[in-house]
Amino acid sequence: MVAAARRVVLVADSAKYGARHFARFASLGQIDVLVTDTGLTDEQAAEIEDLGPEVIRA
């Protein structure tokens, strides 16, 4: 599904960053935009953006 999309947008709260999970649907390099809350630090946002996605904190 990710491979067929023109644009991949992930909406997730900041607590998900760095947590280990049972399943994964895509790597950060496959995501175009991450929309998250303001709990994500500037350093974390920079790490994510280095892997590809634009980070929007709202």
C-alpha atoms as a PDB file:
ATOM      1  CA  MET A   1       0.000   0.000   0.000  1.00  0.00           C
ATOM      2  CA  VAL A   2       2.817   2.452   0.836  1.00  0.00           C
ATOM      3  CA  ALA A   3       4.593   1.683  -2.438  1.00  0.00           C
ATOM      4  CA  ALA A   4       1.440   2.498  -4.432  1.00  0.00           C
ATOM      5  CA  ALA A   5       0.757   5.837  -2.705  1.00  0.00           C
ATOM      6  CA  ARG A   6       1.669   9.207  -4.207  1.00  0.00           C
ATOM      7  CA  ARG A   7       2.143  10.618  -0.713  1.00  0.00           C
ATOM      8  CA  VAL A   8       2.391   8.875   2.660  1.00  0.00           C
ATOM      9  CA  VAL A   9       1.300  10.823   5.756  1.00  0.00           C
ATOM     10  CA  LEU A  10       1.713   9.354   9.228  1.00  0.00           C
ATOM     11  CA  VAL A  11      -0.248  10.813  12.145  1.00  0.00           C
ATOM     12  CA  ALA A  12       1.152   9.675  15.502  1.00  0.00           C
ATOM     13  CA  ASP A  13       1.597  11.121  18.970  1.00  0.00           C
ATOM     14  CA  SER A  14       5.147  11.835  20.118  1.00  0.00           C
ATOM     15  CA  ALA A  15       5.109   8.986  22.661  1.00  0.00           C
ATOM     16  CA  LYS A  16       5.343   6.537  19.736  1.00  0.00           C
ATOM     17  CA  TYR A  17       8.802   7.821  18.735  1.00  0.00           C
ATOM     18  CA  GLY A  18      11.527   5.470  19.914  1.00  0.00           C
ATOM     19  CA  ALA A  19       9.094   2.893  21.312  1.00  0.00           C
ATOM     20  CA  ARG A  20       9.340  -0.759  20.279  1.00  0.00           C
ATOM     21  CA  HIS A  21       6.221  -2.174  18.670  1.00  0.00           C
ATOM     22  CA  PHE A  22       5.029  -5.558  17.500  1.00  0.00           C
ATOM     23  CA  ALA A  23       4.259  -4.484  13.931  1.00  0.00           C
ATOM     24  CA  ARG A  24       5.535  -1.865  11.489  1.00  0.00           C
ATOM     25  CA  PHE A  25       3.905  -0.749   8.251  1.00  0.00           C
ATOM     26  CA  ALA A  26       6.728   1.399   6.845  1.00  0.00           C
ATOM     27  CA  SER A  27      10.164   2.771   7.600  1.00  0.00           C
ATOM     28  CA  LEU A  28      10.589   6.505   8.206  1.00  0.00           C
ATOM     29  CA  GLY A  29      12.338   6.734   4.839  1.00  0.00           C
ATOM     30  CA  GLN A  30       9.066   5.689   3.165  1.00  0.00           C
ATOM     31  CA  ILE A  31       7.012   8.413   4.855  1.00  0.00           C
ATOM     32  CA  ASP A  32       6.630  11.856   3.304  1.00  0.00           C
ATOM     33  CA  VAL A  33       5.067  13.730   6.220  1.00  0.00           C
ATOM     34  CA  LEU A  34       4.818  13.000   9.940  1.00  0.00           C
ATOM     35  CA  VAL A  35       2.139  14.926  11.828  1.00  0.00           C
ATOM     36  CA  THR A  36       2.614  14.723  15.590  1.00  0.00           C
ATOM     37  CA  ASP A  37       2.078  16.679  18.794  1.00  0.00           C
ATOM     38  CA  THR A  38       4.375  19.249  20.374  1.00  0.00           C
ATOM     39  CA  GLY A  39       5.863  16.649  22.733  1.00  0.00           C
ATOM     40  CA  LEU A  40       8.461  15.771  20.086  1.00  0.00           C
ATOM     41  CA  THR A  41      11.724  17.604  20.837  1.00  0.00           C
ATOM     42  CA  ASP A  42      13.653  19.641  18.270  1.00  0.00           C
ATOM     43  CA  GLU A  43      16.388  16.998  18.333  1.00  0.00           C
ATOM     44  CA  GLN A  44      13.926  14.171  17.693  1.00  0.00           C
ATOM     45  CA  ALA A  45      12.300  16.112  14.855  1.00  0.00           C
ATOM     46  CA  ALA A  46      15.718  16.704  13.280  1.00  0.00           C
ATOM     47  CA  GLU A  47      16.575  12.984  13.532  1.00  0.00           C
ATOM     48  CA  ILE A  48      13.334  12.092  11.781  1.00  0.00           C
ATOM     49  CA  GLU A  49      13.755  14.740   9.078  1.00  0.00           C
ATOM     50  CA  ASP A  50      17.279  13.427   8.401  1.00  0.00           C
ATOM     51  CA  LEU A  51      15.599  10.132   7.415  1.00  0.00           C
ATOM     52  CA  GLY A  52      13.260  11.829   4.945  1.00  0.00           C
ATOM     53  CA  PRO A  53       9.869  12.906   6.243  1.00  0.00           C
ATOM     54  CA  GLU A  54       8.795  16.478   6.845  1.00  0.00           C
ATOM     55  CA  VAL A  55       7.771  16.835  10.515  1.00  0.00           C
ATOM     56  CA  ILE A  56       4.743  18.923  11.443  1.00  0.00           C
ATOM     57  CA  ARG A  57       4.155  19.469  15.170  1.00  0.00           C
ATOM     58  CA  ALA A  58       0.667  20.698  15.967  1.00  0.00           C
END
